[in-house]
Amino acid sequence: MNQKPLGRVSHVGVAAAAVVLGLGLVLGSNSAHAMLFAKGNADLGAKLHAKTCASCHNSMMPDGKGEELYSEDFRKVTDAGGLKTMVQFCATRTNSGWFDEELEHVARYLNDNFYKFKK
């Protein structure tokens, strides 16, 4: 096996890789919560939420602001798995008929806008 000694190009390559990795870590830290439900589309989730969830949640709050359920004062969900389970529970309770993709959209919307779980 013929191996070439490490030269200047490999050091430049290593430095470039380190910069890319560092940039990925910085950028990734800002959007890590989006990766939990990467297949979900938050815009579609917002529309599904408005159509199916909002009226029920609004009726649960004295001031009619159902989104308060997602605040730290009221939330019962403590992690990403619990969020997905709660979305499934609510979808079943409302007979939404959502497919897995739609559940993922709503979970993505809720996580991106309220919960911000990272793992």
Protein backbone atom coordinates (compact mmCIF):
# COMPACT_ATOMS: atom_id res chain seq x y z
CA MET A 1 0.00 0.00 0.00
CA ASN A 2 1.47 3.33 -1.07
CA GLN A 3 0.83 6.11 1.40
CA LYS A 4 1.74 9.72 0.75
CA PRO A 5 3.15 11.72 3.61
CA LEU A 6 0.94 14.42 5.06
CA GLY A 7 1.73 17.69 3.41
CA ARG A 8 0.51 21.24 3.35
CA VAL A 9 -2.73 20.38 1.52
CA SER A 10 -3.81 17.97 4.25
CA HIS A 11 -3.21 20.59 6.94
CA VAL A 12 -5.31 23.09 4.98
CA GLY A 13 -7.97 20.39 4.58
CA VAL A 14 -7.97 19.69 8.31
CA ALA A 15 -8.23 23.41 9.10
CA ALA A 16 -11.10 23.82 6.62
CA ALA A 17 -12.91 20.85 8.13
CA ALA A 18 -12.51 22.33 11.60
CA VAL A 19 -13.97 25.66 10.45
CA VAL A 20 -16.92 23.91 8.79
CA LEU A 21 -17.51 21.77 11.86
CA GLY A 22 -17.35 24.82 14.14
CA LEU A 23 -19.73 26.75 11.92
CA GLY A 24 -22.10 23.80 11.91
CA LEU A 25 -22.07 23.66 15.69
CA VAL A 26 -22.80 27.37 15.99
CA LEU A 27 -25.57 27.35 13.41
CA GLY A 28 -26.92 24.06 14.66
CA SER A 29 -27.26 25.32 18.20
CA ASN A 30 -29.72 27.95 17.02
CA SER A 31 -31.93 25.53 15.14
CA ALA A 32 -31.46 22.31 17.08
CA HIS A 33 -35.10 22.22 18.16
CA ALA A 34 -36.16 22.11 14.49
CA MET A 35 -34.20 18.89 13.99
CA LEU A 36 -36.42 16.97 16.40
CA PHE A 37 -39.31 17.05 13.99
CA ALA A 38 -37.22 17.51 10.85
CA LYS A 39 -39.84 15.94 8.57
CA GLY A 40 -42.47 18.34 9.85
CA ASN A 41 -43.40 21.65 8.25
CA ALA A 42 -44.17 24.31 10.86
CA ASP A 43 -46.30 26.37 8.44
CA LEU A 44 -48.53 23.39 7.67
CA GLY A 45 -48.58 22.56 11.38
CA ALA A 46 -49.78 26.08 12.19
CA LYS A 47 -52.68 25.71 9.75
CA LEU A 48 -53.64 22.28 11.12
CA HIS A 49 -53.40 23.62 14.68
CA ALA A 50 -55.60 26.62 13.86
CA LYS A 51 -58.21 24.42 12.19
CA THR A 52 -58.34 21.55 14.68
CA CYS A 53 -56.76 22.48 18.01
CA ALA A 54 -57.25 26.18 18.68
CA SER A 55 -61.00 26.19 19.40
CA CYS A 56 -60.71 23.41 21.98
CA HIS A 57 -57.68 24.99 23.65
CA ASN A 58 -59.31 28.43 23.64
CA SER A 59 -62.34 26.98 25.43
CA MET A 60 -60.07 25.59 28.16
CA MET A 61 -58.72 28.99 29.17
CA PRO A 62 -60.82 31.63 31.00
CA ASP A 63 -59.51 34.42 28.77
CA GLY A 64 -59.92 32.32 25.61
CA LYS A 65 -56.20 32.31 24.82
CA GLY A 66 -55.50 28.63 24.29
CA GLU A 67 -51.86 29.18 23.46
CA GLU A 68 -51.30 29.86 27.16
CA LEU A 69 -51.51 26.08 27.60
CA TYR A 70 -48.03 25.93 26.09
CA SER A 71 -46.52 28.38 28.57
CA GLU A 72 -44.28 27.08 31.31
CA ASP A 73 -46.99 27.87 33.86
CA PHE A 74 -49.52 25.50 32.33
CA ARG A 75 -47.63 22.98 30.19
CA LYS A 76 -47.70 19.33 31.08
CA VAL A 77 -45.31 18.31 28.32
CA THR A 78 -41.68 18.15 29.46
CA ASP A 79 -39.83 16.64 26.49
CA ALA A 80 -40.06 15.98 22.75
CA GLY A 81 -41.46 12.48 23.22
CA GLY A 82 -44.19 13.84 25.45
CA LEU A 83 -45.00 16.52 22.89
CA LYS A 84 -45.46 13.95 20.16
CA THR A 85 -47.61 11.81 22.47
CA MET A 86 -49.77 14.81 23.41
CA VAL A 87 -50.28 15.79 19.77
CA GLN A 88 -51.36 12.21 19.05
CA PHE A 89 -53.71 12.23 22.05
CA CYS A 90 -55.37 15.48 20.99
CA ALA A 91 -55.63 14.34 17.38
CA THR A 92 -57.39 11.16 18.50
CA ARG A 93 -59.69 13.06 20.84
CA THR A 94 -60.77 15.47 18.13
CA ASN A 95 -61.16 12.70 15.54
CA SER A 96 -58.85 14.68 13.27
CA GLY A 97 -57.94 11.69 11.12
CA TRP A 98 -54.40 13.01 10.81
CA PHE A 99 -51.69 10.87 9.27
CA ASP A 100 -48.21 10.59 10.82
CA GLU A 101 -46.99 13.40 8.56
CA GLU A 102 -49.65 15.77 9.88
CA LEU A 103 -48.82 14.86 13.48
CA GLU A 104 -45.19 15.67 12.68
CA HIS A 105 -46.20 19.05 11.18
CA VAL A 106 -48.14 20.04 14.31
CA ALA A 107 -45.39 18.83 16.65
CA ARG A 108 -42.86 20.83 14.63
CA TYR A 109 -45.04 23.95 14.80
CA LEU A 110 -45.51 23.63 18.56
CA ASN A 111 -41.85 22.91 19.23
CA ASP A 112 -40.55 25.71 17.01
CA ASN A 113 -42.92 28.30 18.46
CA PHE A 114 -43.46 27.30 22.09
CA TYR A 115 -41.55 24.38 23.56
CA LYS A 116 -38.15 24.66 21.88
CA PHE A 117 -36.97 21.20 22.97
CA LYS A 118 -33.53 20.41 21.61
CA LYS A 119 -33.41 16.66 22.17
